[in-house]
Amino acid sequence: MTWTLLSWVLLAALPPDGAAQLAKVDALMPELRRIASDPAVVREVKRQNAQRVPLDTVQKLDAEWTATPALTPLKRRMMGNACARVLYRHRDRLGRMLAEVLIMDNQGALVGATRRTSDYWQGDEAKWLKSFNGGRGGELREKPFFDDSSQSYVLQVSLPVKDGARTIGALTVSLSLLEL
């Protein structure tokens, strides 16, 4: 019930020409695919995948991440590492419409992010499940919602990160509906 109400509030807050916004998202897709295929992003995902961190370790890191709203060393690392720096460059180039950008590895663990996410492990969420898709890759455009981590109404788009034809991770971009 709450989500339905929130959806109606969100739709009421959208500009009258919602179709124009969706057309803008369609027009952005080539740029978002460029981020997902950026050689530096691919390199960082491959580097993290090569570490072969056990899923139970990833889930322990996730529990630590969600246990505190504080900016922990792990959170700082995810927002300041080589992958995050590449994402910041793309965000700076494309502007404020990119409310948040994050990259995940082949288990759904964060590789880099432009904002502090609500959790470290995305592997149980549609954004990773659909875009990684068991290693087959896929694209997902979610319905608009209010995103706590970016504090804005967004539409999330998730895409596979590929090394050649092989899916190795995923990208999720939160597009600010007010900035489209």
N, C-alpha and C. Protein backbone atom coordinates (compact mmCIF):
# COMPACT_ATOMS: atom_id res chain seq x y z
N MET A 1 0.83 -1.19 0.00
CA MET A 1 0.00 0.00 0.00
C MET A 1 0.87 1.25 0.00
N THR A 2 1.91 1.29 0.86
CA THR A 2 2.79 2.46 0.94
C THR A 2 3.49 2.71 -0.38
N TRP A 3 3.97 1.64 -1.03
CA TRP A 3 4.67 1.79 -2.31
C TRP A 3 3.72 2.29 -3.39
N THR A 4 2.48 1.84 -3.36
CA THR A 4 1.49 2.30 -4.33
C THR A 4 1.26 3.79 -4.15
N LEU A 5 1.09 4.22 -2.92
CA LEU A 5 0.89 5.63 -2.63
C LEU A 5 2.10 6.44 -3.08
N LEU A 6 3.30 5.94 -2.76
CA LEU A 6 4.52 6.62 -3.15
C LEU A 6 4.63 6.72 -4.67
N SER A 7 4.25 5.65 -5.37
CA SER A 7 4.28 5.66 -6.83
C SER A 7 3.36 6.74 -7.38
N TRP A 8 2.15 6.86 -6.81
CA TRP A 8 1.21 7.89 -7.28
C TRP A 8 1.74 9.28 -6.99
N VAL A 9 2.36 9.46 -5.83
CA VAL A 9 2.95 10.76 -5.50
C VAL A 9 4.07 11.07 -6.49
N LEU A 10 4.90 10.08 -6.78
CA LEU A 10 5.99 10.28 -7.72
C LEU A 10 5.46 10.64 -9.10
N LEU A 11 4.47 9.90 -9.56
CA LEU A 11 3.92 10.18 -10.89
C LEU A 11 3.30 11.56 -10.94
N ALA A 12 2.71 11.99 -9.84
CA ALA A 12 2.12 13.33 -9.80
C ALA A 12 3.20 14.40 -9.85
N ALA A 13 4.41 14.08 -9.34
CA ALA A 13 5.50 15.05 -9.31
C ALA A 13 6.28 15.10 -10.62
N LEU A 14 6.04 14.14 -11.51
CA LEU A 14 6.74 14.12 -12.79
C LEU A 14 6.21 15.22 -13.69
N PRO A 15 7.07 15.70 -14.58
CA PRO A 15 6.58 16.67 -15.56
C PRO A 15 5.42 16.07 -16.35
N PRO A 16 4.56 16.91 -16.91
CA PRO A 16 3.39 16.40 -17.61
C PRO A 16 3.73 15.47 -18.76
N ASP A 17 4.88 15.66 -19.37
CA ASP A 17 5.24 14.83 -20.52
C ASP A 17 6.20 13.72 -20.09
N GLY A 18 5.66 12.72 -19.39
CA GLY A 18 6.47 11.59 -18.96
C GLY A 18 7.07 10.84 -20.13
N ALA A 19 6.38 10.83 -21.26
CA ALA A 19 6.90 10.16 -22.46
C ALA A 19 8.20 10.82 -22.91
N ALA A 20 8.30 12.13 -22.75
CA ALA A 20 9.53 12.83 -23.12
C ALA A 20 10.69 12.39 -22.23
N GLN A 21 10.40 12.17 -20.95
CA GLN A 21 11.46 11.70 -20.05
C GLN A 21 11.92 10.30 -20.47
N LEU A 22 10.99 9.44 -20.79
CA LEU A 22 11.36 8.09 -21.22
C LEU A 22 12.17 8.14 -22.51
N ALA A 23 11.84 9.06 -23.40
CA ALA A 23 12.62 9.23 -24.63
C ALA A 23 14.04 9.69 -24.30
N LYS A 24 14.17 10.53 -23.27
CA LYS A 24 15.50 10.98 -22.85
C LYS A 24 16.31 9.81 -22.28
N VAL A 25 15.65 8.92 -21.55
CA VAL A 25 16.33 7.73 -21.04
C VAL A 25 16.80 6.87 -22.21
N ASP A 26 15.93 6.68 -23.18
CA ASP A 26 16.31 5.91 -24.38
C ASP A 26 17.51 6.54 -25.06
N ALA A 27 17.53 7.86 -25.15
CA ALA A 27 18.64 8.56 -25.80
C ALA A 27 19.94 8.41 -25.01
N LEU A 28 19.83 8.23 -23.69
CA LEU A 28 21.02 8.07 -22.84
C LEU A 28 21.61 6.66 -22.87
N MET A 29 20.86 5.70 -23.34
CA MET A 29 21.32 4.30 -23.28
C MET A 29 22.69 4.08 -23.93
N PRO A 30 23.00 4.67 -25.08
CA PRO A 30 24.36 4.49 -25.62
C PRO A 30 25.45 4.98 -24.67
N GLU A 31 25.20 6.10 -23.99
CA GLU A 31 26.17 6.62 -23.02
C GLU A 31 26.32 5.67 -21.84
N LEU A 32 25.21 5.12 -21.37
CA LEU A 32 25.27 4.19 -20.24
C LEU A 32 25.99 2.91 -20.64
N ARG A 33 25.78 2.48 -21.85
CA ARG A 33 26.51 1.29 -22.34
C ARG A 33 28.00 1.57 -22.44
N ARG A 34 28.36 2.82 -22.77
CA ARG A 34 29.79 3.19 -22.82
C ARG A 34 30.43 3.10 -21.43
N ILE A 35 29.67 3.51 -20.41
CA ILE A 35 30.20 3.40 -19.05
C ILE A 35 30.44 1.93 -18.72
N ALA A 36 29.46 1.08 -19.02
CA ALA A 36 29.57 -0.35 -18.71
C ALA A 36 30.73 -1.00 -19.46
N SER A 37 31.10 -0.46 -20.61
CA SER A 37 32.18 -1.08 -21.39
C SER A 37 33.49 -0.31 -21.29
N ASP A 38 33.55 0.69 -20.45
CA ASP A 38 34.78 1.46 -20.27
C ASP A 38 35.91 0.49 -19.89
N PRO A 39 37.03 0.51 -20.60
CA PRO A 39 38.13 -0.43 -20.30
C PRO A 39 38.60 -0.38 -18.85
N ALA A 40 38.57 0.79 -18.23
CA ALA A 40 38.99 0.90 -16.83
C ALA A 40 37.98 0.21 -15.91
N VAL A 41 36.70 0.32 -16.22
CA VAL A 41 35.67 -0.37 -15.43
C VAL A 41 35.83 -1.87 -15.59
N VAL A 42 35.98 -2.34 -16.82
CA VAL A 42 36.16 -3.77 -17.08
C VAL A 42 37.38 -4.29 -16.33
N ARG A 43 38.48 -3.53 -16.38
CA ARG A 43 39.71 -3.94 -15.69
C ARG A 43 39.49 -4.09 -14.18
N GLU A 44 38.78 -3.13 -13.58
CA GLU A 44 38.55 -3.18 -12.12
C GLU A 44 37.62 -4.33 -11.73
N VAL A 45 36.61 -4.61 -12.56
CA VAL A 45 35.72 -5.74 -12.27
C VAL A 45 36.51 -7.04 -12.38
N LYS A 46 37.32 -7.17 -13.43
CA LYS A 46 38.14 -8.39 -13.60
C LYS A 46 39.10 -8.56 -12.42
N ARG A 47 39.68 -7.44 -11.96
CA ARG A 47 40.61 -7.50 -10.83
C ARG A 47 39.90 -8.01 -9.58
N GLN A 48 38.70 -7.47 -9.32
CA GLN A 48 37.97 -7.91 -8.12
C GLN A 48 37.51 -9.36 -8.27
N ASN A 49 37.02 -9.75 -9.45
CA ASN A 49 36.60 -11.13 -9.66
C ASN A 49 37.75 -12.11 -9.45
N ALA A 50 38.96 -11.71 -9.85
CA ALA A 50 40.13 -12.57 -9.73
C ALA A 50 40.48 -12.86 -8.27
N GLN A 51 40.02 -12.02 -7.35
CA GLN A 51 40.29 -12.25 -5.93
C GLN A 51 39.49 -13.42 -5.38
N ARG A 52 38.43 -13.81 -6.06
CA ARG A 52 37.60 -14.96 -5.68
C ARG A 52 37.21 -14.93 -4.18
N VAL A 53 36.68 -13.80 -3.77
CA VAL A 53 36.24 -13.64 -2.38
C VAL A 53 35.03 -14.54 -2.15
N PRO A 54 35.06 -15.39 -1.14
CA PRO A 54 33.90 -16.27 -0.87
C PRO A 54 32.65 -15.45 -0.58
N LEU A 55 31.50 -15.95 -1.03
CA LEU A 55 30.24 -15.25 -0.85
C LEU A 55 29.95 -14.99 0.62
N ASP A 56 30.32 -15.92 1.52
CA ASP A 56 30.05 -15.67 2.94
C ASP A 56 30.87 -14.48 3.44
N THR A 57 32.05 -14.25 2.90
CA THR A 57 32.85 -13.08 3.26
C THR A 57 32.18 -11.81 2.74
N VAL A 58 31.68 -11.88 1.50
CA VAL A 58 30.95 -10.74 0.93
C VAL A 58 29.75 -10.40 1.80
N GLN A 59 29.02 -11.41 2.24
CA GLN A 59 27.84 -11.18 3.06
C GLN A 59 28.20 -10.65 4.44
N LYS A 60 29.36 -11.05 4.98
CA LYS A 60 29.82 -10.47 6.25
C LYS A 60 30.14 -8.99 6.07
N LEU A 61 30.79 -8.65 4.95
CA LEU A 61 31.08 -7.25 4.66
C LEU A 61 29.78 -6.46 4.51
N ASP A 62 28.78 -7.08 3.90
CA ASP A 62 27.47 -6.44 3.74
C ASP A 62 26.84 -6.18 5.10
N ALA A 63 26.93 -7.15 6.01
CA ALA A 63 26.36 -6.97 7.36
C ALA A 63 27.06 -5.83 8.09
N GLU A 64 28.39 -5.73 7.94
CA GLU A 64 29.13 -4.63 8.55
C GLU A 64 28.71 -3.30 7.92
N TRP A 65 28.53 -3.30 6.61
CA TRP A 65 28.15 -2.09 5.87
C TRP A 65 26.81 -1.56 6.37
N THR A 66 25.83 -2.45 6.49
CA THR A 66 24.48 -2.02 6.85
C THR A 66 24.32 -1.77 8.36
N ALA A 67 25.28 -2.21 9.15
CA ALA A 67 25.17 -2.07 10.61
C ALA A 67 25.32 -0.63 11.08
N THR A 68 25.93 0.21 10.26
CA THR A 68 26.15 1.59 10.67
C THR A 68 25.98 2.55 9.50
N PRO A 69 25.37 3.70 9.76
CA PRO A 69 25.28 4.71 8.71
C PRO A 69 26.60 5.49 8.54
N ALA A 70 27.54 5.27 9.46
CA ALA A 70 28.81 5.99 9.42
C ALA A 70 29.59 5.67 8.14
N LEU A 71 30.44 6.59 7.76
CA LEU A 71 31.30 6.41 6.59
C LEU A 71 32.53 5.60 7.02
N THR A 72 32.41 4.28 6.94
CA THR A 72 33.47 3.36 7.37
C THR A 72 34.61 3.33 6.35
N PRO A 73 35.75 2.75 6.71
CA PRO A 73 36.84 2.62 5.74
C PRO A 73 36.42 1.87 4.47
N LEU A 74 35.60 0.83 4.60
CA LEU A 74 35.15 0.09 3.42
C LEU A 74 34.30 1.00 2.52
N LYS A 75 33.40 1.77 3.10
CA LYS A 75 32.56 2.68 2.32
C LYS A 75 33.43 3.73 1.63
N ARG A 76 34.39 4.26 2.36
CA ARG A 76 35.31 5.25 1.76
C ARG A 76 36.07 4.63 0.58
N ARG A 77 36.51 3.39 0.76
CA ARG A 77 37.27 2.71 -0.30
C ARG A 77 36.40 2.51 -1.54
N MET A 78 35.15 2.13 -1.36
CA MET A 78 34.26 1.90 -2.51
C MET A 78 33.94 3.20 -3.25
N MET A 79 33.99 4.33 -2.55
CA MET A 79 33.69 5.61 -3.18
C MET A 79 34.94 6.38 -3.59
N GLY A 80 36.13 5.79 -3.34
CA GLY A 80 37.37 6.51 -3.66
C GLY A 80 38.38 5.68 -4.43
N ASN A 81 38.03 4.45 -4.78
CA ASN A 81 38.99 3.59 -5.48
C ASN A 81 39.06 3.93 -6.97
N ALA A 82 39.88 3.19 -7.71
CA ALA A 82 40.08 3.45 -9.14
C ALA A 82 38.78 3.35 -9.93
N CYS A 83 37.95 2.37 -9.60
CA CYS A 83 36.67 2.21 -10.30
C CYS A 83 35.77 3.42 -10.03
N ALA A 84 35.68 3.83 -8.79
CA ALA A 84 34.84 4.99 -8.44
C ALA A 84 35.32 6.24 -9.15
N ARG A 85 36.63 6.42 -9.26
CA ARG A 85 37.15 7.61 -9.95
C ARG A 85 36.72 7.63 -11.42
N VAL A 86 36.69 6.48 -12.07
CA VAL A 86 36.20 6.39 -13.45
C VAL A 86 34.72 6.77 -13.50
N LEU A 87 33.96 6.27 -12.54
CA LEU A 87 32.52 6.58 -12.50
C LEU A 87 32.28 8.06 -12.27
N TYR A 88 33.09 8.70 -11.42
CA TYR A 88 32.96 10.14 -11.19
C TYR A 88 33.21 10.92 -12.48
N ARG A 89 34.20 10.49 -13.27
CA ARG A 89 34.49 11.17 -14.54
C ARG A 89 33.29 11.09 -15.48
N HIS A 90 32.68 9.91 -15.55
CA HIS A 90 31.49 9.77 -16.40
C HIS A 90 30.34 10.62 -15.86
N ARG A 91 30.17 10.61 -14.56
CA ARG A 91 29.10 11.40 -13.95
C ARG A 91 29.33 12.89 -14.21
N ASP A 92 30.57 13.33 -14.05
CA ASP A 92 30.88 14.74 -14.29
C ASP A 92 30.62 15.13 -15.75
N ARG A 93 30.92 14.23 -16.65
CA ARG A 93 30.73 14.48 -18.08
C ARG A 93 29.24 14.56 -18.44
N LEU A 94 28.44 13.68 -17.86
CA LEU A 94 27.01 13.61 -18.21
C LEU A 94 26.13 14.52 -17.35
N GLY A 95 26.63 14.98 -16.24
CA GLY A 95 25.89 15.94 -15.45
C GLY A 95 25.07 15.35 -14.32
N ARG A 96 24.27 16.24 -13.72
CA ARG A 96 23.52 15.91 -12.51
C ARG A 96 22.41 14.89 -12.73
N MET A 97 22.12 14.57 -13.98
CA MET A 97 21.07 13.57 -14.21
C MET A 97 21.51 12.20 -13.69
N LEU A 98 22.83 11.99 -13.55
CA LEU A 98 23.33 10.73 -12.96
C LEU A 98 23.40 10.92 -11.45
N ALA A 99 22.34 10.57 -10.76
CA ALA A 99 22.29 10.74 -9.31
C ALA A 99 23.25 9.79 -8.60
N GLU A 100 23.44 8.61 -9.16
CA GLU A 100 24.29 7.59 -8.53
C GLU A 100 24.72 6.60 -9.62
N VAL A 101 25.96 6.15 -9.51
CA VAL A 101 26.46 5.13 -10.42
C VAL A 101 27.21 4.10 -9.58
N LEU A 102 26.94 2.82 -9.81
CA LEU A 102 27.67 1.78 -9.09
C LEU A 102 27.98 0.61 -10.01
N ILE A 103 29.10 -0.03 -9.70
CA ILE A 103 29.55 -1.21 -10.44
C ILE A 103 29.62 -2.37 -9.46
N MET A 104 29.16 -3.54 -9.92
CA MET A 104 29.17 -4.75 -9.11
C MET A 104 29.96 -5.84 -9.81
N ASP A 105 30.49 -6.76 -9.04
CA ASP A 105 31.28 -7.87 -9.60
C ASP A 105 30.37 -9.05 -9.94
N ASN A 106 30.98 -10.21 -10.17
CA ASN A 106 30.21 -11.39 -10.57
C ASN A 106 29.43 -12.05 -9.44
N GLN A 107 29.49 -11.49 -8.23
CA GLN A 107 28.68 -11.97 -7.11
C GLN A 107 27.69 -10.91 -6.63
N GLY A 108 27.79 -9.71 -7.21
CA GLY A 108 26.92 -8.63 -6.79
C GLY A 108 27.54 -7.73 -5.73
N ALA A 109 28.83 -7.94 -5.42
CA ALA A 109 29.52 -7.08 -4.45
C ALA A 109 29.95 -5.80 -5.16
N LEU A 110 29.93 -4.69 -4.43
CA LEU A 110 30.36 -3.43 -5.01
C LEU A 110 31.82 -3.48 -5.42
N VAL A 111 32.10 -2.88 -6.57
CA VAL A 111 33.47 -2.67 -7.03
C VAL A 111 33.80 -1.19 -6.87
N GLY A 112 32.82 -0.33 -7.13
CA GLY A 112 32.99 1.11 -6.98
C GLY A 112 31.63 1.78 -7.05
N ALA A 113 31.52 2.97 -6.43
CA ALA A 113 30.25 3.70 -6.41
C ALA A 113 30.51 5.19 -6.24
N THR A 114 29.59 6.00 -6.76
CA THR A 114 29.71 7.45 -6.61
C THR A 114 29.02 7.98 -5.36
N ARG A 115 28.22 7.14 -4.71
CA ARG A 115 27.55 7.51 -3.46
C ARG A 115 27.55 6.31 -2.53
N ARG A 116 27.34 6.61 -1.26
CA ARG A 116 27.22 5.55 -0.28
C ARG A 116 25.90 4.82 -0.51
N THR A 117 25.98 3.57 -0.86
CA THR A 117 24.78 2.77 -1.11
C THR A 117 24.23 2.26 0.21
N SER A 118 23.00 1.78 0.18
CA SER A 118 22.39 1.27 1.41
C SER A 118 23.00 -0.05 1.84
N ASP A 119 23.59 -0.78 0.89
CA ASP A 119 24.27 -2.02 1.24
C ASP A 119 25.42 -2.29 0.29
N TYR A 120 26.29 -3.19 0.68
CA TYR A 120 27.48 -3.54 -0.08
C TYR A 120 27.19 -4.63 -1.11
N TRP A 121 26.39 -5.59 -0.72
CA TRP A 121 26.10 -6.73 -1.59
C TRP A 121 24.76 -6.50 -2.28
N GLN A 122 24.81 -6.41 -3.60
CA GLN A 122 23.61 -6.19 -4.41
C GLN A 122 23.13 -7.50 -5.04
N GLY A 123 23.80 -8.60 -4.75
CA GLY A 123 23.57 -9.87 -5.42
C GLY A 123 22.19 -10.48 -5.22
N ASP A 124 21.41 -9.96 -4.29
CA ASP A 124 20.06 -10.47 -4.09
C ASP A 124 19.01 -9.48 -4.62
N GLU A 125 19.45 -8.47 -5.35
CA GLU A 125 18.55 -7.43 -5.85
C GLU A 125 18.38 -7.54 -7.36
N ALA A 126 17.22 -7.11 -7.83
CA ALA A 126 16.90 -7.21 -9.26
C ALA A 126 17.94 -6.52 -10.13
N LYS A 127 18.49 -5.40 -9.65
CA LYS A 127 19.46 -4.66 -10.46
C LYS A 127 20.65 -5.54 -10.85
N TRP A 128 21.10 -6.41 -9.94
CA TRP A 128 22.20 -7.31 -10.28
C TRP A 128 21.69 -8.60 -10.90
N LEU A 129 20.63 -9.16 -10.33
CA LEU A 129 20.11 -10.43 -10.84
C LEU A 129 19.75 -10.35 -12.32
N LYS A 130 19.10 -9.27 -12.74
CA LYS A 130 18.66 -9.14 -14.13
C LYS A 130 19.79 -8.74 -15.06
N SER A 131 20.70 -7.89 -14.60
CA SER A 131 21.75 -7.42 -15.50
C SER A 131 22.92 -8.41 -15.59
N PHE A 132 23.21 -9.14 -14.51
CA PHE A 132 24.23 -10.19 -14.59
C PHE A 132 23.61 -11.44 -15.23
N ASN A 133 22.40 -11.75 -14.81
CA ASN A 133 21.58 -12.79 -15.42
C ASN A 133 22.32 -14.13 -15.56
N GLY A 134 22.91 -14.59 -14.46
CA GLY A 134 23.59 -15.88 -14.48
C GLY A 134 24.77 -15.92 -15.43
N GLY A 135 25.35 -14.76 -15.72
CA GLY A 135 26.48 -14.68 -16.64
C GLY A 135 26.08 -14.46 -18.09
N ARG A 136 24.78 -14.35 -18.35
CA ARG A 136 24.30 -14.14 -19.73
C ARG A 136 24.10 -12.65 -20.04
N GLY A 137 24.01 -11.83 -19.01
CA GLY A 137 23.79 -10.40 -19.21
C GLY A 137 22.36 -10.08 -19.57
N GLY A 138 21.98 -8.86 -19.32
CA GLY A 138 20.64 -8.37 -19.64
C GLY A 138 20.54 -6.92 -19.23
N GLU A 139 19.48 -6.27 -19.64
CA GLU A 139 19.25 -4.88 -19.27
C GLU A 139 17.97 -4.77 -18.48
N LEU A 140 17.96 -3.87 -17.51
CA LEU A 140 16.79 -3.67 -16.67
C LEU A 140 16.56 -2.18 -16.51
N ARG A 141 15.33 -1.76 -16.74
CA ARG A 141 14.92 -0.39 -16.46
C ARG A 141 13.81 -0.49 -15.44
N GLU A 142 14.10 -0.04 -14.22
CA GLU A 142 13.12 -0.17 -13.14
C GLU A 142 12.13 0.98 -13.15
N LYS A 143 11.07 0.82 -12.40
CA LYS A 143 10.07 1.88 -12.25
C LYS A 143 10.66 2.98 -11.38
N PRO A 144 10.24 4.22 -11.58
CA PRO A 144 10.72 5.33 -10.75
C PRO A 144 10.40 5.11 -9.27
N PHE A 145 11.31 5.60 -8.41
CA PHE A 145 11.10 5.51 -6.97
C PHE A 145 11.96 6.57 -6.28
N PHE A 146 11.70 6.78 -4.97
CA PHE A 146 12.53 7.70 -4.19
C PHE A 146 13.69 6.89 -3.64
N ASP A 147 14.90 7.28 -4.00
CA ASP A 147 16.11 6.58 -3.60
C ASP A 147 16.73 7.27 -2.39
N ASP A 148 16.78 6.54 -1.27
CA ASP A 148 17.34 7.11 -0.04
C ASP A 148 18.81 7.48 -0.19
N SER A 149 19.59 6.65 -0.89
CA SER A 149 21.03 6.93 -0.95
C SER A 149 21.34 8.18 -1.76
N SER A 150 20.57 8.48 -2.80
CA SER A 150 20.82 9.71 -3.57
C SER A 150 19.87 10.85 -3.18
N GLN A 151 18.87 10.53 -2.33
CA GLN A 151 17.88 11.51 -1.87
C GLN A 151 17.17 12.20 -3.03
N SER A 152 16.77 11.40 -4.03
CA SER A 152 16.07 11.97 -5.17
C SER A 152 15.17 10.90 -5.81
N TYR A 153 14.22 11.39 -6.61
CA TYR A 153 13.39 10.48 -7.38
C TYR A 153 14.19 10.03 -8.59
N VAL A 154 14.31 8.74 -8.75
CA VAL A 154 15.17 8.20 -9.79
C VAL A 154 14.48 7.08 -10.57
N LEU A 155 15.07 6.81 -11.70
CA LEU A 155 14.75 5.63 -12.47
C LEU A 155 16.10 4.91 -12.63
N GLN A 156 16.17 3.67 -12.17
CA GLN A 156 17.44 2.94 -12.26
C GLN A 156 17.49 2.11 -13.53
N VAL A 157 18.65 2.18 -14.18
CA VAL A 157 18.94 1.38 -15.35
C VAL A 157 20.15 0.52 -15.00
N SER A 158 20.05 -0.78 -15.25
CA SER A 158 21.14 -1.71 -14.97
C SER A 158 21.52 -2.44 -16.24
N LEU A 159 22.84 -2.58 -16.44
CA LEU A 159 23.39 -3.17 -17.65
C LEU A 159 24.51 -4.13 -17.28
N PRO A 160 24.79 -5.10 -18.13
CA PRO A 160 25.93 -5.98 -17.86
C PRO A 160 27.25 -5.27 -18.13
N VAL A 161 28.27 -5.66 -17.38
CA VAL A 161 29.65 -5.28 -17.67
C VAL A 161 30.26 -6.51 -18.31
N LYS A 162 30.82 -6.34 -19.50
CA LYS A 162 31.31 -7.49 -20.26
C LYS A 162 32.79 -7.38 -20.56
N ASP A 163 33.42 -8.53 -20.59
CA ASP A 163 34.79 -8.67 -21.07
C ASP A 163 34.67 -9.46 -22.37
N GLY A 164 34.66 -8.76 -23.49
CA GLY A 164 34.33 -9.41 -24.74
C GLY A 164 32.87 -9.78 -24.72
N ALA A 165 32.57 -11.04 -24.99
CA ALA A 165 31.18 -11.51 -24.98
C ALA A 165 30.76 -12.03 -23.61
N ARG A 166 31.70 -12.13 -22.67
CA ARG A 166 31.44 -12.73 -21.36
C ARG A 166 31.01 -11.68 -20.35
N THR A 167 29.87 -11.89 -19.69
CA THR A 167 29.39 -10.98 -18.64
C THR A 167 30.19 -11.24 -17.37
N ILE A 168 30.79 -10.17 -16.83
CA ILE A 168 31.65 -10.31 -15.65
C ILE A 168 31.14 -9.51 -14.45
N GLY A 169 30.16 -8.66 -14.65
CA GLY A 169 29.65 -7.82 -13.58
C GLY A 169 28.45 -7.04 -14.06
N ALA A 170 28.13 -5.96 -13.35
CA ALA A 170 26.96 -5.17 -13.71
C ALA A 170 27.16 -3.70 -13.32
N LEU A 171 26.46 -2.86 -14.03
CA LEU A 171 26.43 -1.42 -13.79
C LEU A 171 25.00 -1.04 -13.45
N THR A 172 24.81 -0.19 -12.45
CA THR A 172 23.51 0.40 -12.19
C THR A 172 23.69 1.91 -12.12
N VAL A 173 22.84 2.61 -12.86
CA VAL A 173 22.83 4.07 -12.87
C VAL A 173 21.46 4.53 -12.40
N SER A 174 21.46 5.42 -11.41
CA SER A 174 20.22 6.05 -10.97
C SER A 174 20.11 7.39 -11.68
N LEU A 175 19.11 7.51 -12.55
CA LEU A 175 18.89 8.75 -13.30
C LEU A 175 17.90 9.62 -12.54
N SER A 176 18.31 10.84 -12.23
CA SER A 176 17.45 11.77 -11.52
C SER A 176 16.33 12.23 -12.44
N LEU A 177 15.09 11.96 -12.05
CA LEU A 177 13.95 12.33 -12.87
C LEU A 177 13.79 13.84 -12.99
N LEU A 178 14.23 14.57 -11.98
CA LEU A 178 14.10 16.02 -12.02
C LEU A 178 15.17 16.67 -12.89
N GLU A 179 16.24 15.92 -13.19
CA GLU A 179 17.34 16.48 -13.99
C GLU A 179 17.33 16.01 -15.43
N LEU A 180 16.44 15.09 -15.77
CA LEU A 180 16.40 14.60 -17.16
C LEU A 180 15.94 15.67 -18.12
